[in-house]
Amino acid sequence: MKKFLPLFTVIAALLTAALIQHESTLNADVVTKTFTTNETACVWTNNLIIDSIQLSAGTILFTLEIYDNSSASLTYVNTAYTNRLPLVTNLVTTVITEAGLTNTFTNKVLMTVPQTIAAATNTLPAVMKVAVNANESSVVPGPIMISKGIVLKNTSGSTNSEVVIINYHKAGE
């Protein structure tokens, strides 16, 4: 039994090292994007978890907005629909009896009336806004959860080449 203990320890250490190596490389990936003036780009179209974002600026301030969307559009449209609006009103009822007497009753009633809500175009809210000074780099740590996809927008108006590196892994894996 004493002869097997060192062998068991070595096997356990090898299995642990293999498991750690497997976990550290499981579904991890990198997206790199170089930006030009006021560019908006969809760089991923699925749910994921951002582990970190590295930003590198050119010769002027670099500002970046991150959106959760599956296309490069930063707007969405709510189509027209019909809503029901509650309304309290008086209901007047007149009853004439066989004897010819007229009785009038007034009651308050709750009713609903249709109301059409017009279509509306809305702007997506940014998940994050980040700025990096000229000729500098910055790392934003995660996790940042994305459900539809990553849309990046360069809002700095720079004509230099700014670089964004996103380290991520697929959500749920």
C-alpha atoms as a PDB file:
ATOM      1  CA  MET A   1       0.000   0.000   0.000  1.00  0.00           C
ATOM      2  CA  LYS A   2       2.840   2.358   0.798  1.00  0.00           C
ATOM      3  CA  LYS A   3       4.222   1.831  -2.731  1.00  0.00           C
ATOM      4  CA  PHE A   4       0.971   2.979  -4.310  1.00  0.00           C
ATOM      5  CA  LEU A   5       0.639   6.211  -2.311  1.00  0.00           C
ATOM      6  CA  PRO A   6       3.360   8.145  -4.235  1.00  0.00           C
ATOM      7  CA  LEU A   7       1.966   6.836  -7.523  1.00  0.00           C
ATOM      8  CA  PHE A   8      -1.554   7.901  -6.528  1.00  0.00           C
ATOM      9  CA  THR A   9      -0.268  11.395  -5.578  1.00  0.00           C
ATOM     10  CA  VAL A  10       1.460  11.812  -8.957  1.00  0.00           C
ATOM     11  CA  ILE A  11      -1.647  10.717 -10.871  1.00  0.00           C
ATOM     12  CA  ALA A  12      -3.864  13.081  -8.841  1.00  0.00           C
ATOM     13  CA  ALA A  13      -1.487  15.987  -9.504  1.00  0.00           C
ATOM     14  CA  LEU A  14      -1.445  15.256 -13.258  1.00  0.00           C
ATOM     15  CA  LEU A  15      -5.244  15.063 -13.408  1.00  0.00           C
ATOM     16  CA  THR A  16      -5.585  18.327 -11.469  1.00  0.00           C
ATOM     17  CA  ALA A  17      -3.137  20.101 -13.790  1.00  0.00           C
ATOM     18  CA  ALA A  18      -4.995  18.796 -16.852  1.00  0.00           C
ATOM     19  CA  LEU A  19      -8.329  19.940 -15.423  1.00  0.00           C
ATOM     20  CA  ILE A  20      -6.983  23.433 -14.660  1.00  0.00           C
ATOM     21  CA  GLN A  21      -5.534  23.694 -18.166  1.00  0.00           C
ATOM     22  CA  HIS A  22      -8.847  22.537 -19.676  1.00  0.00           C
ATOM     23  CA  GLU A  23     -10.921  25.017 -17.620  1.00  0.00           C
ATOM     24  CA  SER A  24      -8.674  27.963 -18.486  1.00  0.00           C
ATOM     25  CA  THR A  25      -9.011  27.349 -22.238  1.00  0.00           C
ATOM     26  CA  LEU A  26     -12.676  26.293 -22.314  1.00  0.00           C
ATOM     27  CA  ASN A  27     -14.573  28.330 -24.948  1.00  0.00           C
ATOM     28  CA  ALA A  28     -12.420  31.422 -24.475  1.00  0.00           C
ATOM     29  CA  ASP A  29     -11.919  33.611 -27.519  1.00  0.00           C
ATOM     30  CA  VAL A  30     -10.762  37.070 -28.573  1.00  0.00           C
ATOM     31  CA  VAL A  31     -12.263  39.667 -30.932  1.00  0.00           C
ATOM     32  CA  THR A  32     -10.000  42.439 -32.198  1.00  0.00           C
ATOM     33  CA  LYS A  33     -11.414  45.509 -33.959  1.00  0.00           C
ATOM     34  CA  THR A  34      -9.610  48.569 -35.350  1.00  0.00           C
ATOM     35  CA  PHE A  35     -11.788  51.694 -35.571  1.00  0.00           C
ATOM     36  CA  THR A  36     -11.944  54.698 -37.848  1.00  0.00           C
ATOM     37  CA  THR A  37     -13.919  57.959 -37.492  1.00  0.00           C
ATOM     38  CA  ASN A  38     -17.352  57.554 -35.841  1.00  0.00           C
ATOM     39  CA  GLU A  39     -17.601  53.923 -36.877  1.00  0.00           C
ATOM     40  CA  THR A  40     -20.319  51.600 -35.544  1.00  0.00           C
ATOM     41  CA  ALA A  41     -19.661  47.878 -35.891  1.00  0.00           C
ATOM     42  CA  CYS A  42     -21.421  44.685 -34.850  1.00  0.00           C
ATOM     43  CA  VAL A  43     -18.625  42.333 -33.810  1.00  0.00           C
ATOM     44  CA  TRP A  44     -20.629  39.422 -32.351  1.00  0.00           C
ATOM     45  CA  THR A  45     -24.223  38.218 -32.809  1.00  0.00           C
ATOM     46  CA  ASN A  46     -24.844  35.844 -29.900  1.00  0.00           C
ATOM     47  CA  ASN A  47     -25.011  35.859 -26.128  1.00  0.00           C
ATOM     48  CA  LEU A  48     -21.669  35.845 -24.342  1.00  0.00           C
ATOM     49  CA  ILE A  49     -19.825  36.979 -21.262  1.00  0.00           C
ATOM     50  CA  ILE A  50     -17.047  39.540 -21.720  1.00  0.00           C
ATOM     51  CA  ASP A  51     -14.087  38.723 -19.488  1.00  0.00           C
ATOM     52  CA  SER A  52     -12.156  41.919 -20.268  1.00  0.00           C
ATOM     53  CA  ILE A  53     -11.924  44.743 -22.797  1.00  0.00           C
ATOM     54  CA  GLN A  54      -8.595  46.293 -23.759  1.00  0.00           C
ATOM     55  CA  LEU A  55      -8.643  49.713 -25.450  1.00  0.00           C
ATOM     56  CA  SER A  56      -5.732  51.449 -27.153  1.00  0.00           C
ATOM     57  CA  ALA A  57      -6.041  55.086 -28.262  1.00  0.00           C
ATOM     58  CA  GLY A  58      -4.316  56.876 -31.132  1.00  0.00           C
ATOM     59  CA  THR A  59      -3.093  60.462 -30.867  1.00  0.00           C
ATOM     60  CA  ILE A  60      -6.352  61.870 -29.411  1.00  0.00           C
ATOM     61  CA  LEU A  61      -8.927  60.814 -26.817  1.00  0.00           C
ATOM     62  CA  PHE A  62     -10.729  57.558 -27.747  1.00  0.00           C
ATOM     63  CA  THR A  63     -14.303  57.107 -26.525  1.00  0.00           C
ATOM     64  CA  LEU A  64     -16.183  53.869 -27.079  1.00  0.00           C
ATOM     65  CA  GLU A  65     -19.793  52.902 -26.450  1.00  0.00           C
ATOM     66  CA  ILE A  66     -20.783  49.239 -26.082  1.00  0.00           C
ATOM     67  CA  TYR A  67     -24.322  48.119 -26.946  1.00  0.00           C
ATOM     68  CA  ASP A  68     -26.187  44.822 -26.603  1.00  0.00           C
ATOM     69  CA  ASN A  69     -27.699  44.187 -30.053  1.00  0.00           C
ATOM     70  CA  SER A  70     -27.419  41.648 -32.863  1.00  0.00           C
ATOM     71  CA  SER A  71     -27.087  44.239 -35.671  1.00  0.00           C
ATOM     72  CA  ALA A  72     -25.140  47.464 -36.109  1.00  0.00           C
ATOM     73  CA  SER A  73     -28.359  49.489 -35.699  1.00  0.00           C
ATOM     74  CA  LEU A  74     -28.591  51.486 -32.481  1.00  0.00           C
ATOM     75  CA  THR A  75     -32.363  51.972 -32.701  1.00  0.00           C
ATOM     76  CA  TYR A  76     -35.379  49.717 -32.377  1.00  0.00           C
ATOM     77  CA  VAL A  77     -39.032  50.235 -33.306  1.00  0.00           C
ATOM     78  CA  ASN A  78     -42.062  49.448 -31.216  1.00  0.00           C
ATOM     79  CA  THR A  79     -44.908  48.850 -33.687  1.00  0.00           C
ATOM     80  CA  ALA A  80     -48.323  50.457 -33.263  1.00  0.00           C
ATOM     81  CA  TYR A  81     -50.726  48.637 -30.960  1.00  0.00           C
ATOM     82  CA  THR A  82     -54.135  49.081 -29.334  1.00  0.00           C
ATOM     83  CA  ASN A  83     -54.383  49.634 -25.623  1.00  0.00           C
ATOM     84  CA  ARG A  84     -57.509  49.672 -23.454  1.00  0.00           C
ATOM     85  CA  LEU A  85     -58.016  52.852 -21.441  1.00  0.00           C
ATOM     86  CA  PRO A  86     -60.141  52.575 -18.255  1.00  0.00           C
ATOM     87  CA  LEU A  87     -62.856  55.190 -17.933  1.00  0.00           C
ATOM     88  CA  VAL A  88     -65.410  55.935 -15.187  1.00  0.00           C
ATOM     89  CA  THR A  89     -68.645  57.376 -16.502  1.00  0.00           C
ATOM     90  CA  ASN A  90     -72.301  57.797 -15.570  1.00  0.00           C
ATOM     91  CA  LEU A  91     -74.824  55.297 -16.899  1.00  0.00           C
ATOM     92  CA  VAL A  92     -78.375  56.701 -16.983  1.00  0.00           C
ATOM     93  CA  THR A  93     -81.196  54.149 -17.199  1.00  0.00           C
ATOM     94  CA  THR A  94     -84.826  55.086 -17.713  1.00  0.00           C
ATOM     95  CA  VAL A  95     -87.566  52.593 -16.876  1.00  0.00           C
ATOM     96  CA  ILE A  96     -91.266  53.175 -17.649  1.00  0.00           C
ATOM     97  CA  THR A  97     -93.582  50.944 -15.629  1.00  0.00           C
ATOM     98  CA  GLU A  98     -96.920  49.429 -16.780  1.00  0.00           C
ATOM     99  CA  ALA A  99     -98.686  52.145 -14.818  1.00  0.00           C
ATOM    100  CA  GLY A 100     -96.898  54.802 -16.875  1.00  0.00           C
ATOM    101  CA  LEU A 101     -94.529  55.981 -14.140  1.00  0.00           C
ATOM    102  CA  THR A 102     -91.028  56.953 -15.285  1.00  0.00           C
ATOM    103  CA  ASN A 103     -88.059  56.019 -13.093  1.00  0.00           C
ATOM    104  CA  THR A 104     -84.561  57.316 -13.892  1.00  0.00           C
ATOM    105  CA  PHE A 105     -81.461  55.704 -12.350  1.00  0.00           C
ATOM    106  CA  THR A 106     -77.928  57.126 -12.539  1.00  0.00           C
ATOM    107  CA  ASN A 107     -75.009  54.798 -11.727  1.00  0.00           C
ATOM    108  CA  LYS A 108     -71.245  55.133 -12.017  1.00  0.00           C
ATOM    109  CA  VAL A 109     -69.705  52.395 -14.160  1.00  0.00           C
ATOM    110  CA  LEU A 110     -66.165  51.424 -15.097  1.00  0.00           C
ATOM    111  CA  MET A 111     -65.646  50.708 -18.784  1.00  0.00           C
ATOM    112  CA  THR A 112     -62.707  50.553 -21.167  1.00  0.00           C
ATOM    113  CA  VAL A 113     -62.269  52.282 -24.505  1.00  0.00           C
ATOM    114  CA  PRO A 114     -59.712  51.429 -27.219  1.00  0.00           C
ATOM    115  CA  GLN A 115     -56.730  53.729 -27.604  1.00  0.00           C
ATOM    116  CA  THR A 116     -54.219  53.385 -30.461  1.00  0.00           C
ATOM    117  CA  ILE A 117     -50.579  53.796 -29.482  1.00  0.00           C
ATOM    118  CA  ALA A 118     -48.472  54.989 -32.441  1.00  0.00           C
ATOM    119  CA  ALA A 119     -45.266  53.291 -33.533  1.00  0.00           C
ATOM    120  CA  ALA A 120     -42.161  54.700 -31.882  1.00  0.00           C
ATOM    121  CA  THR A 121     -38.464  54.580 -32.731  1.00  0.00           C
ATOM    122  CA  ASN A 122     -36.207  54.357 -29.694  1.00  0.00           C
ATOM    123  CA  THR A 123     -32.459  54.487 -29.164  1.00  0.00           C
ATOM    124  CA  LEU A 124     -30.762  51.584 -27.425  1.00  0.00           C
ATOM    125  CA  PRO A 125     -29.139  52.391 -24.092  1.00  0.00           C
ATOM    126  CA  ALA A 126     -25.386  51.820 -23.978  1.00  0.00           C
ATOM    127  CA  VAL A 127     -24.255  48.929 -21.783  1.00  0.00           C
ATOM    128  CA  MET A 128     -20.998  50.774 -21.125  1.00  0.00           C
ATOM    129  CA  LYS A 129     -19.147  53.935 -22.162  1.00  0.00           C
ATOM    130  CA  VAL A 130     -15.359  53.958 -21.888  1.00  0.00           C
ATOM    131  CA  ALA A 131     -12.756  56.650 -22.631  1.00  0.00           C
ATOM    132  CA  VAL A 132      -8.989  56.330 -23.009  1.00  0.00           C
ATOM    133  CA  ASN A 133      -6.566  59.259 -23.155  1.00  0.00           C
ATOM    134  CA  ALA A 134      -4.362  59.820 -26.208  1.00  0.00           C
ATOM    135  CA  ASN A 135      -1.488  57.347 -26.692  1.00  0.00           C
ATOM    136  CA  GLU A 136      -2.640  55.220 -23.755  1.00  0.00           C
ATOM    137  CA  SER A 137      -4.210  51.825 -23.173  1.00  0.00           C
ATOM    138  CA  SER A 138      -6.729  50.671 -20.622  1.00  0.00           C
ATOM    139  CA  VAL A 139      -8.225  47.345 -19.547  1.00  0.00           C
ATOM    140  CA  VAL A 140     -11.824  47.102 -18.334  1.00  0.00           C
ATOM    141  CA  PRO A 141     -12.371  43.914 -16.314  1.00  0.00           C
ATOM    142  CA  GLY A 142     -15.494  41.771 -16.653  1.00  0.00           C
ATOM    143  CA  PRO A 143     -17.752  39.992 -16.340  1.00  0.00           C
ATOM    144  CA  ILE A 144     -20.110  41.913 -18.620  1.00  0.00           C
ATOM    145  CA  MET A 145     -23.114  39.856 -19.721  1.00  0.00           C
ATOM    146  CA  ILE A 146     -24.368  40.318 -23.294  1.00  0.00           C
ATOM    147  CA  SER A 147     -27.628  38.679 -24.419  1.00  0.00           C
ATOM    148  CA  LYS A 148     -27.961  39.576 -28.139  1.00  0.00           C
ATOM    149  CA  GLY A 149     -24.510  40.531 -29.432  1.00  0.00           C
ATOM    150  CA  ILE A 150     -21.814  43.205 -29.197  1.00  0.00           C
ATOM    151  CA  VAL A 151     -22.098  46.499 -31.061  1.00  0.00           C
ATOM    152  CA  LEU A 152     -19.197  48.918 -30.661  1.00  0.00           C
ATOM    153  CA  LYS A 153     -19.411  52.610 -31.548  1.00  0.00           C
ATOM    154  CA  ASN A 154     -16.429  54.970 -31.757  1.00  0.00           C
ATOM    155  CA  THR A 155     -17.806  58.325 -30.569  1.00  0.00           C
ATOM    156  CA  SER A 156     -14.512  60.181 -30.391  1.00  0.00           C
ATOM    157  CA  GLY A 157     -14.496  61.452 -33.980  1.00  0.00           C
ATOM    158  CA  SER A 158     -10.895  60.370 -34.265  1.00  0.00           C
ATOM    159  CA  THR A 159      -9.274  59.695 -37.634  1.00  0.00           C
ATOM    160  CA  ASN A 160      -6.584  57.541 -36.016  1.00  0.00           C
ATOM    161  CA  SER A 161      -6.712  53.791 -35.715  1.00  0.00           C
ATOM    162  CA  GLU A 162      -8.013  52.815 -32.288  1.00  0.00           C
ATOM    163  CA  VAL A 163      -7.898  49.167 -31.288  1.00  0.00           C
ATOM    164  CA  VAL A 164     -10.324  47.222 -29.104  1.00  0.00           C
ATOM    165  CA  ILE A 165      -9.543  43.693 -27.920  1.00  0.00           C
ATOM    166  CA  ILE A 166     -12.406  41.772 -26.291  1.00  0.00           C
ATOM    167  CA  ASN A 167     -11.729  38.573 -24.333  1.00  0.00           C
ATOM    168  CA  TYR A 168     -14.936  36.590 -23.903  1.00  0.00           C
ATOM    169  CA  HIS A 169     -16.486  33.176 -23.501  1.00  0.00           C
ATOM    170  CA  LYS A 170     -19.885  31.850 -24.531  1.00  0.00           C
ATOM    171  CA  ALA A 171     -22.570  32.190 -21.892  1.00  0.00           C
ATOM    172  CA  GLY A 172     -23.608  28.951 -20.259  1.00  0.00           C
ATOM    173  CA  GLU A 173     -20.442  27.061 -21.158  1.00  0.00           C
END
